[in-house]
Amino acid sequence: MKVLAFFSAPVQYARSLWRIGQTVLGIIFRHPITGTSIIPILPDGRIVLIRRRDNGLWGLPGGMVDWGQDIPTTVHRELMEETGLEVIKIKRLVGVYSSPDRDPRIHSICVAVEAEVQGNMAIQDELEVMEIQAFPPHALPLDPMSHDHARQLRDYLNGLTTIA
């Protein structure tokens, strides 16, 4: 077990470097980066949000699609990395969000999905996540939120499938 703990920090560091490299490549080649947002629904109906370390705001778990991965694999990986939760089932597409100003860092296209999840919430990536909390749908901290996550949640709560 100590061996796994020994490799945990270097692996997280390498992932961070890879994400920075993806961002740089996106800027150099002037193409949007594809990512995901996950609306994680616990068995009791609460929605899981993370407080991001980079801006201190609440947001949805998610992240960039790694080279060689598809959206479902990214959803499973990002949810586990950020919350410790496991995807039971991706329920539906909530939307595709592509506005050039939706992410203050880069031009990214975000595929937002609703997912049934299970497990124990635990921060896995302390470089990205400060806090994890589950909220009843009527008590979500929608303003302000990171990126365009308030819009994504409103679309979800209104039963919309959005392309924006």
N, C-alpha and C. Protein backbone atom coordinates (compact mmCIF):
# COMPACT_ATOMS: atom_id res chain seq x y z
N MET A 1 0.81 -1.18 0.00
CA MET A 1 0.00 0.00 0.00
C MET A 1 0.87 1.26 0.00
N LYS A 2 2.00 1.21 0.70
CA LYS A 2 2.89 2.37 0.73
C LYS A 2 3.46 2.67 -0.64
N VAL A 3 3.64 1.64 -1.44
CA VAL A 3 4.16 1.83 -2.80
C VAL A 3 3.17 2.65 -3.61
N LEU A 4 1.87 2.34 -3.50
CA LEU A 4 0.85 3.12 -4.22
C LEU A 4 0.85 4.57 -3.77
N ALA A 5 0.94 4.78 -2.46
CA ALA A 5 0.97 6.15 -1.94
C ALA A 5 2.20 6.90 -2.44
N PHE A 6 3.31 6.19 -2.57
CA PHE A 6 4.55 6.80 -3.04
C PHE A 6 4.38 7.34 -4.46
N PHE A 7 3.66 6.61 -5.31
CA PHE A 7 3.49 7.00 -6.71
C PHE A 7 2.33 7.96 -6.93
N SER A 8 1.48 8.16 -5.95
CA SER A 8 0.30 9.00 -6.10
C SER A 8 0.64 10.45 -6.46
N ALA A 9 1.54 11.06 -5.72
CA ALA A 9 1.90 12.46 -5.97
C ALA A 9 2.54 12.65 -7.34
N PRO A 10 3.52 11.82 -7.74
CA PRO A 10 4.09 11.99 -9.08
C PRO A 10 3.06 11.80 -10.20
N VAL A 11 2.11 10.88 -10.01
CA VAL A 11 1.08 10.66 -11.03
C VAL A 11 0.20 11.89 -11.15
N GLN A 12 -0.21 12.46 -10.01
CA GLN A 12 -1.04 13.68 -10.04
C GLN A 12 -0.26 14.83 -10.68
N TYR A 13 1.02 14.92 -10.37
CA TYR A 13 1.86 15.96 -10.96
C TYR A 13 1.94 15.79 -12.47
N ALA A 14 2.13 14.56 -12.92
CA ALA A 14 2.20 14.28 -14.36
C ALA A 14 0.89 14.62 -15.05
N ARG A 15 -0.23 14.31 -14.40
CA ARG A 15 -1.54 14.67 -14.97
C ARG A 15 -1.68 16.19 -15.09
N SER A 16 -1.23 16.90 -14.08
CA SER A 16 -1.30 18.36 -14.12
C SER A 16 -0.45 18.90 -15.27
N LEU A 17 0.75 18.35 -15.43
CA LEU A 17 1.60 18.78 -16.54
C LEU A 17 0.94 18.47 -17.89
N TRP A 18 0.30 17.31 -18.00
CA TRP A 18 -0.38 16.94 -19.24
C TRP A 18 -1.50 17.93 -19.54
N ARG A 19 -2.27 18.33 -18.52
CA ARG A 19 -3.36 19.29 -18.72
C ARG A 19 -2.80 20.64 -19.16
N ILE A 20 -1.71 21.05 -18.57
CA ILE A 20 -1.08 22.31 -18.97
C ILE A 20 -0.61 22.20 -20.41
N GLY A 21 -0.01 21.06 -20.75
CA GLY A 21 0.43 20.83 -22.13
C GLY A 21 -0.72 20.87 -23.12
N GLN A 22 -1.86 20.27 -22.76
CA GLN A 22 -3.03 20.31 -23.63
C GLN A 22 -3.50 21.76 -23.84
N THR A 23 -3.50 22.52 -22.77
CA THR A 23 -3.92 23.91 -22.87
C THR A 23 -2.99 24.68 -23.79
N VAL A 24 -1.69 24.49 -23.63
CA VAL A 24 -0.71 25.17 -24.48
C VAL A 24 -0.90 24.77 -25.95
N LEU A 25 -1.08 23.48 -26.20
CA LEU A 25 -1.31 23.04 -27.57
C LEU A 25 -2.58 23.65 -28.15
N GLY A 26 -3.63 23.74 -27.33
CA GLY A 26 -4.87 24.35 -27.79
C GLY A 26 -4.67 25.80 -28.16
N ILE A 27 -3.87 26.50 -27.38
CA ILE A 27 -3.58 27.91 -27.67
C ILE A 27 -2.73 28.03 -28.93
N ILE A 28 -1.72 27.20 -29.04
CA ILE A 28 -0.82 27.26 -30.19
C ILE A 28 -1.57 26.97 -31.48
N PHE A 29 -2.36 25.91 -31.48
CA PHE A 29 -3.03 25.50 -32.70
C PHE A 29 -4.40 26.17 -32.87
N ARG A 30 -4.80 26.96 -31.88
CA ARG A 30 -6.03 27.74 -31.93
C ARG A 30 -7.25 26.89 -32.25
N HIS A 31 -7.34 25.77 -31.57
CA HIS A 31 -8.51 24.90 -31.66
C HIS A 31 -9.06 24.73 -30.25
N PRO A 32 -10.38 24.68 -30.12
CA PRO A 32 -10.95 24.47 -28.78
C PRO A 32 -10.54 23.11 -28.21
N ILE A 33 -10.50 23.06 -26.90
CA ILE A 33 -10.22 21.84 -26.16
C ILE A 33 -11.57 21.25 -25.73
N THR A 34 -11.73 19.94 -25.84
CA THR A 34 -12.98 19.29 -25.45
C THR A 34 -12.90 18.82 -24.00
N GLY A 35 -13.97 19.05 -23.28
CA GLY A 35 -14.04 18.63 -21.89
C GLY A 35 -15.43 18.16 -21.52
N THR A 36 -15.59 17.80 -20.27
CA THR A 36 -16.87 17.33 -19.76
C THR A 36 -17.24 18.06 -18.47
N SER A 37 -18.52 18.16 -18.22
CA SER A 37 -19.06 18.50 -16.91
C SER A 37 -19.99 17.37 -16.53
N ILE A 38 -19.94 17.00 -15.27
CA ILE A 38 -20.79 15.92 -14.79
C ILE A 38 -21.74 16.48 -13.75
N ILE A 39 -23.02 16.18 -13.92
CA ILE A 39 -24.02 16.51 -12.91
C ILE A 39 -24.28 15.20 -12.15
N PRO A 40 -23.54 15.01 -11.04
CA PRO A 40 -23.60 13.74 -10.31
C PRO A 40 -24.81 13.72 -9.38
N ILE A 41 -25.67 12.72 -9.56
CA ILE A 41 -26.87 12.58 -8.76
C ILE A 41 -26.71 11.38 -7.83
N LEU A 42 -26.74 11.65 -6.52
CA LEU A 42 -26.66 10.59 -5.53
C LEU A 42 -27.99 9.85 -5.45
N PRO A 43 -28.00 8.64 -4.88
CA PRO A 43 -29.25 7.88 -4.78
C PRO A 43 -30.39 8.64 -4.09
N ASP A 44 -30.07 9.57 -3.19
CA ASP A 44 -31.11 10.34 -2.50
C ASP A 44 -31.54 11.59 -3.28
N GLY A 45 -30.99 11.79 -4.49
CA GLY A 45 -31.40 12.91 -5.33
C GLY A 45 -30.56 14.16 -5.19
N ARG A 46 -29.64 14.18 -4.23
CA ARG A 46 -28.77 15.36 -4.09
C ARG A 46 -27.77 15.41 -5.23
N ILE A 47 -27.35 16.64 -5.54
CA ILE A 47 -26.38 16.90 -6.61
C ILE A 47 -25.04 17.26 -5.97
N VAL A 48 -23.98 16.61 -6.44
CA VAL A 48 -22.65 16.80 -5.88
C VAL A 48 -21.93 17.92 -6.64
N LEU A 49 -21.41 18.87 -5.88
CA LEU A 49 -20.59 19.95 -6.45
C LEU A 49 -19.22 19.94 -5.78
N ILE A 50 -18.25 20.55 -6.48
CA ILE A 50 -16.92 20.71 -5.91
C ILE A 50 -16.63 22.21 -5.79
N ARG A 51 -15.86 22.57 -4.78
CA ARG A 51 -15.34 23.94 -4.69
C ARG A 51 -13.94 23.90 -5.28
N ARG A 52 -13.76 24.64 -6.35
CA ARG A 52 -12.50 24.62 -7.10
C ARG A 52 -11.41 25.39 -6.37
N ARG A 53 -10.22 24.86 -6.41
CA ARG A 53 -9.09 25.53 -5.77
C ARG A 53 -8.62 26.75 -6.56
N ASP A 54 -8.77 26.74 -7.89
CA ASP A 54 -8.24 27.85 -8.69
C ASP A 54 -9.02 29.15 -8.53
N ASN A 55 -10.33 29.08 -8.27
CA ASN A 55 -11.10 30.32 -8.14
C ASN A 55 -11.98 30.37 -6.90
N GLY A 56 -12.00 29.29 -6.12
CA GLY A 56 -12.78 29.25 -4.88
C GLY A 56 -14.28 29.14 -5.07
N LEU A 57 -14.73 28.95 -6.30
CA LEU A 57 -16.16 28.89 -6.58
C LEU A 57 -16.64 27.44 -6.66
N TRP A 58 -17.94 27.27 -6.41
CA TRP A 58 -18.55 25.96 -6.61
C TRP A 58 -18.67 25.70 -8.10
N GLY A 59 -18.56 24.44 -8.47
CA GLY A 59 -18.71 24.05 -9.86
C GLY A 59 -19.01 22.56 -9.96
N LEU A 60 -19.21 22.14 -11.17
CA LEU A 60 -19.44 20.72 -11.44
C LEU A 60 -18.11 20.00 -11.59
N PRO A 61 -18.04 18.75 -11.17
CA PRO A 61 -16.84 17.99 -11.48
C PRO A 61 -16.73 17.80 -13.00
N GLY A 62 -15.54 17.61 -13.46
CA GLY A 62 -15.31 17.37 -14.88
C GLY A 62 -13.92 17.81 -15.27
N GLY A 63 -13.64 17.69 -16.55
CA GLY A 63 -12.32 18.09 -17.02
C GLY A 63 -12.12 17.74 -18.46
N MET A 64 -10.90 17.89 -18.89
CA MET A 64 -10.55 17.71 -20.30
C MET A 64 -10.50 16.25 -20.70
N VAL A 65 -10.88 16.01 -21.94
CA VAL A 65 -10.78 14.67 -22.52
C VAL A 65 -9.31 14.42 -22.83
N ASP A 66 -8.77 13.35 -22.29
CA ASP A 66 -7.39 13.00 -22.56
C ASP A 66 -7.27 12.37 -23.95
N TRP A 67 -6.10 12.51 -24.53
CA TRP A 67 -5.82 11.92 -25.84
C TRP A 67 -6.10 10.41 -25.76
N GLY A 68 -6.87 9.91 -26.72
CA GLY A 68 -7.18 8.49 -26.76
C GLY A 68 -8.38 8.08 -25.93
N GLN A 69 -9.04 9.04 -25.25
CA GLN A 69 -10.21 8.72 -24.45
C GLN A 69 -11.47 9.23 -25.12
N ASP A 70 -12.60 8.61 -24.78
CA ASP A 70 -13.89 9.10 -25.24
C ASP A 70 -14.59 9.81 -24.08
N ILE A 71 -15.76 10.37 -24.37
CA ILE A 71 -16.49 11.13 -23.35
C ILE A 71 -16.88 10.24 -22.16
N PRO A 72 -17.48 9.05 -22.37
CA PRO A 72 -17.84 8.24 -21.20
C PRO A 72 -16.64 7.89 -20.30
N THR A 73 -15.51 7.58 -20.90
CA THR A 73 -14.31 7.27 -20.11
C THR A 73 -13.87 8.49 -19.33
N THR A 74 -13.92 9.65 -19.97
CA THR A 74 -13.54 10.89 -19.29
C THR A 74 -14.48 11.18 -18.12
N VAL A 75 -15.77 10.97 -18.31
CA VAL A 75 -16.75 11.19 -17.24
C VAL A 75 -16.41 10.31 -16.04
N HIS A 76 -16.18 9.02 -16.27
CA HIS A 76 -15.84 8.10 -15.18
C HIS A 76 -14.54 8.54 -14.48
N ARG A 77 -13.52 8.85 -15.27
CA ARG A 77 -12.21 9.21 -14.72
C ARG A 77 -12.28 10.50 -13.92
N GLU A 78 -12.86 11.54 -14.52
CA GLU A 78 -12.89 12.84 -13.85
C GLU A 78 -13.71 12.82 -12.57
N LEU A 79 -14.85 12.11 -12.59
CA LEU A 79 -15.66 12.04 -11.38
C LEU A 79 -14.87 11.36 -10.26
N MET A 80 -14.22 10.25 -10.57
CA MET A 80 -13.44 9.54 -9.56
C MET A 80 -12.27 10.40 -9.08
N GLU A 81 -11.57 11.05 -10.01
CA GLU A 81 -10.41 11.88 -9.63
C GLU A 81 -10.79 13.04 -8.72
N GLU A 82 -11.94 13.65 -8.97
CA GLU A 82 -12.28 14.85 -8.22
C GLU A 82 -13.13 14.60 -6.99
N THR A 83 -13.94 13.52 -7.00
CA THR A 83 -14.89 13.33 -5.89
C THR A 83 -14.76 11.99 -5.19
N GLY A 84 -14.07 11.02 -5.79
CA GLY A 84 -14.02 9.68 -5.23
C GLY A 84 -15.27 8.87 -5.51
N LEU A 85 -16.23 9.45 -6.22
CA LEU A 85 -17.49 8.76 -6.52
C LEU A 85 -17.37 7.94 -7.81
N GLU A 86 -18.22 6.95 -7.91
CA GLU A 86 -18.24 6.05 -9.07
C GLU A 86 -19.51 6.29 -9.88
N VAL A 87 -19.37 6.34 -11.19
CA VAL A 87 -20.53 6.47 -12.07
C VAL A 87 -21.22 5.12 -12.16
N ILE A 88 -22.51 5.10 -11.85
CA ILE A 88 -23.32 3.90 -12.07
C ILE A 88 -23.82 3.89 -13.51
N LYS A 89 -24.32 5.06 -13.93
CA LYS A 89 -24.89 5.15 -15.27
C LYS A 89 -24.91 6.61 -15.72
N ILE A 90 -24.48 6.84 -16.95
CA ILE A 90 -24.67 8.16 -17.55
C ILE A 90 -26.10 8.19 -18.04
N LYS A 91 -26.90 9.11 -17.47
CA LYS A 91 -28.34 9.12 -17.72
C LYS A 91 -28.72 9.85 -19.00
N ARG A 92 -28.20 11.06 -19.18
CA ARG A 92 -28.60 11.82 -20.36
C ARG A 92 -27.62 12.93 -20.65
N LEU A 93 -27.64 13.36 -21.90
CA LEU A 93 -26.89 14.53 -22.33
C LEU A 93 -27.67 15.76 -21.90
N VAL A 94 -27.04 16.64 -21.17
CA VAL A 94 -27.66 17.89 -20.75
C VAL A 94 -27.39 18.97 -21.79
N GLY A 95 -26.17 18.97 -22.35
CA GLY A 95 -25.88 19.97 -23.36
C GLY A 95 -24.44 19.94 -23.82
N VAL A 96 -24.24 20.69 -24.89
CA VAL A 96 -22.91 20.94 -25.42
C VAL A 96 -22.74 22.44 -25.40
N TYR A 97 -21.73 22.92 -24.68
CA TYR A 97 -21.53 24.35 -24.44
C TYR A 97 -20.20 24.75 -25.09
N SER A 98 -20.27 25.70 -26.02
CA SER A 98 -19.08 26.01 -26.82
C SER A 98 -18.74 27.49 -26.89
N SER A 99 -19.41 28.32 -26.13
CA SER A 99 -19.12 29.75 -26.18
C SER A 99 -17.63 29.99 -25.89
N PRO A 100 -16.96 30.79 -26.71
CA PRO A 100 -15.52 31.02 -26.50
C PRO A 100 -15.17 31.59 -25.12
N ASP A 101 -16.13 32.21 -24.44
CA ASP A 101 -15.82 32.82 -23.14
C ASP A 101 -16.36 32.00 -21.96
N ARG A 102 -16.78 30.76 -22.19
CA ARG A 102 -17.36 29.96 -21.11
C ARG A 102 -16.30 29.53 -20.09
N ASP A 103 -15.07 29.42 -20.50
CA ASP A 103 -13.96 29.05 -19.62
C ASP A 103 -12.95 30.18 -19.69
N PRO A 104 -12.63 30.81 -18.56
CA PRO A 104 -11.73 31.96 -18.60
C PRO A 104 -10.30 31.64 -19.02
N ARG A 105 -9.92 30.37 -19.01
CA ARG A 105 -8.54 29.99 -19.31
C ARG A 105 -8.31 29.76 -20.80
N ILE A 106 -9.27 29.09 -21.45
CA ILE A 106 -9.11 28.68 -22.84
C ILE A 106 -10.47 28.60 -23.51
N HIS A 107 -10.45 28.45 -24.82
CA HIS A 107 -11.70 28.15 -25.54
C HIS A 107 -11.91 26.65 -25.45
N SER A 108 -12.95 26.26 -24.74
CA SER A 108 -13.22 24.84 -24.57
C SER A 108 -14.66 24.53 -24.93
N ILE A 109 -14.86 23.35 -25.42
CA ILE A 109 -16.20 22.84 -25.69
C ILE A 109 -16.50 21.81 -24.62
N CYS A 110 -17.62 22.01 -23.93
CA CYS A 110 -17.95 21.16 -22.79
C CYS A 110 -19.19 20.33 -23.10
N VAL A 111 -19.06 19.03 -22.90
CA VAL A 111 -20.18 18.10 -23.02
C VAL A 111 -20.65 17.82 -21.59
N ALA A 112 -21.87 18.30 -21.27
CA ALA A 112 -22.41 18.13 -19.92
C ALA A 112 -23.38 16.97 -19.88
N VAL A 113 -23.21 16.09 -18.89
CA VAL A 113 -24.06 14.92 -18.75
C VAL A 113 -24.57 14.78 -17.31
N GLU A 114 -25.72 14.16 -17.18
CA GLU A 114 -26.25 13.76 -15.88
C GLU A 114 -25.79 12.32 -15.64
N ALA A 115 -25.36 12.03 -14.40
CA ALA A 115 -24.90 10.68 -14.09
C ALA A 115 -25.41 10.24 -12.72
N GLU A 116 -25.92 9.02 -12.65
CA GLU A 116 -26.20 8.39 -11.37
C GLU A 116 -24.86 7.98 -10.78
N VAL A 117 -24.65 8.31 -9.50
CA VAL A 117 -23.35 8.01 -8.88
C VAL A 117 -23.56 7.34 -7.53
N GLN A 118 -22.48 6.73 -7.05
CA GLN A 118 -22.50 6.10 -5.73
C GLN A 118 -21.10 6.17 -5.13
N GLY A 119 -21.06 5.89 -3.83
CA GLY A 119 -19.77 5.85 -3.15
C GLY A 119 -19.67 6.89 -2.06
N ASN A 120 -18.47 7.05 -1.56
CA ASN A 120 -18.19 8.03 -0.51
C ASN A 120 -17.43 9.20 -1.10
N MET A 121 -17.92 10.40 -0.83
CA MET A 121 -17.25 11.60 -1.35
C MET A 121 -15.93 11.78 -0.61
N ALA A 122 -14.87 11.93 -1.38
CA ALA A 122 -13.54 12.17 -0.82
C ALA A 122 -12.69 12.86 -1.87
N ILE A 123 -12.06 13.94 -1.50
CA ILE A 123 -11.20 14.67 -2.43
C ILE A 123 -10.04 13.77 -2.82
N GLN A 124 -9.88 13.58 -4.12
CA GLN A 124 -8.79 12.77 -4.64
C GLN A 124 -7.67 13.66 -5.18
N ASP A 125 -8.03 14.80 -5.76
CA ASP A 125 -7.06 15.70 -6.38
C ASP A 125 -7.07 17.03 -5.63
N GLU A 126 -6.20 17.14 -4.64
CA GLU A 126 -6.16 18.34 -3.80
C GLU A 126 -5.62 19.56 -4.54
N LEU A 127 -5.00 19.35 -5.71
CA LEU A 127 -4.53 20.49 -6.50
C LEU A 127 -5.70 21.21 -7.17
N GLU A 128 -6.80 20.50 -7.41
CA GLU A 128 -7.96 21.08 -8.10
C GLU A 128 -9.15 21.35 -7.20
N VAL A 129 -9.34 20.53 -6.16
CA VAL A 129 -10.56 20.55 -5.38
C VAL A 129 -10.27 20.92 -3.93
N MET A 130 -11.05 21.90 -3.41
CA MET A 130 -10.94 22.30 -2.01
C MET A 130 -11.98 21.61 -1.13
N GLU A 131 -13.15 21.36 -1.71
CA GLU A 131 -14.28 20.87 -0.92
C GLU A 131 -15.26 20.15 -1.84
N ILE A 132 -15.96 19.18 -1.29
CA ILE A 132 -17.02 18.46 -2.00
C ILE A 132 -18.25 18.52 -1.11
N GLN A 133 -19.40 18.79 -1.74
CA GLN A 133 -20.63 18.82 -0.96
C GLN A 133 -21.80 18.42 -1.85
N ALA A 134 -22.79 17.77 -1.25
CA ALA A 134 -24.01 17.39 -1.96
C ALA A 134 -25.14 18.33 -1.54
N PHE A 135 -25.89 18.80 -2.53
CA PHE A 135 -26.95 19.77 -2.30
C PHE A 135 -28.28 19.23 -2.82
N PRO A 136 -29.38 19.49 -2.10
CA PRO A 136 -30.68 19.21 -2.69
C PRO A 136 -30.86 20.16 -3.90
N PRO A 137 -31.58 19.73 -4.93
CA PRO A 137 -31.72 20.57 -6.12
C PRO A 137 -32.24 21.98 -5.84
N HIS A 138 -33.08 22.14 -4.83
CA HIS A 138 -33.63 23.47 -4.51
C HIS A 138 -32.65 24.36 -3.73
N ALA A 139 -31.51 23.82 -3.32
CA ALA A 139 -30.57 24.58 -2.49
C ALA A 139 -29.19 24.72 -3.14
N LEU A 140 -29.10 24.58 -4.46
CA LEU A 140 -27.81 24.70 -5.14
C LEU A 140 -27.29 26.14 -5.08
N PRO A 141 -26.00 26.31 -4.83
CA PRO A 141 -25.41 27.67 -4.79
C PRO A 141 -25.10 28.15 -6.21
N LEU A 142 -26.14 28.56 -6.95
CA LEU A 142 -26.00 28.84 -8.38
C LEU A 142 -25.27 30.14 -8.71
N ASP A 143 -25.26 31.10 -7.83
CA ASP A 143 -24.61 32.38 -8.18
C ASP A 143 -23.69 32.83 -7.07
N PRO A 144 -22.45 33.09 -7.36
CA PRO A 144 -21.77 32.79 -8.63
C PRO A 144 -21.26 31.35 -8.61
N MET A 145 -21.06 30.83 -9.79
CA MET A 145 -20.45 29.51 -9.96
C MET A 145 -19.31 29.63 -10.95
N SER A 146 -18.47 28.63 -10.94
CA SER A 146 -17.34 28.59 -11.87
C SER A 146 -17.83 28.38 -13.30
N HIS A 147 -17.08 28.92 -14.24
CA HIS A 147 -17.35 28.75 -15.67
C HIS A 147 -18.81 29.08 -15.97
N ASP A 148 -19.46 28.24 -16.76
CA ASP A 148 -20.90 28.41 -17.06
C ASP A 148 -21.71 27.31 -16.39
N HIS A 149 -21.24 26.85 -15.25
CA HIS A 149 -21.88 25.72 -14.58
C HIS A 149 -23.27 26.05 -14.06
N ALA A 150 -23.53 27.31 -13.69
CA ALA A 150 -24.88 27.69 -13.27
C ALA A 150 -25.86 27.49 -14.43
N ARG A 151 -25.45 27.87 -15.63
CA ARG A 151 -26.31 27.67 -16.80
C ARG A 151 -26.54 26.18 -17.04
N GLN A 152 -25.48 25.38 -16.94
CA GLN A 152 -25.61 23.95 -17.16
C GLN A 152 -26.59 23.34 -16.15
N LEU A 153 -26.49 23.75 -14.89
CA LEU A 153 -27.40 23.24 -13.87
C LEU A 153 -28.83 23.71 -14.10
N ARG A 154 -29.00 24.96 -14.49
CA ARG A 154 -30.36 25.46 -14.79
C ARG A 154 -30.97 24.69 -15.95
N ASP A 155 -30.17 24.44 -17.00
CA ASP A 155 -30.66 23.66 -18.13
C ASP A 155 -31.08 22.27 -17.66
N TYR A 156 -30.26 21.66 -16.82
CA TYR A 156 -30.57 20.33 -16.29
C TYR A 156 -31.88 20.37 -15.49
N LEU A 157 -31.99 21.32 -14.56
CA LEU A 157 -33.17 21.41 -13.71
C LEU A 157 -34.45 21.70 -14.52
N ASN A 158 -34.30 22.38 -15.65
CA ASN A 158 -35.44 22.68 -16.52
C ASN A 158 -35.70 21.58 -17.56
N GLY A 159 -34.94 20.49 -17.50
CA GLY A 159 -35.15 19.36 -18.39
C GLY A 159 -34.74 19.63 -19.83
N LEU A 160 -33.87 20.62 -20.04
CA LEU A 160 -33.45 20.99 -21.39
C LEU A 160 -32.26 20.16 -21.85
N THR A 161 -32.12 20.04 -23.15
CA THR A 161 -30.90 19.57 -23.78
C THR A 161 -30.46 20.73 -24.66
N THR A 162 -29.33 21.31 -24.34
CA THR A 162 -28.91 22.58 -24.94
C THR A 162 -27.68 22.41 -25.81
N ILE A 163 -27.68 23.11 -26.92
CA ILE A 163 -26.45 23.28 -27.72
C ILE A 163 -26.23 24.78 -27.78
N ALA A 164 -25.15 25.21 -27.17
CA ALA A 164 -24.90 26.65 -27.06
C ALA A 164 -23.43 26.96 -27.29
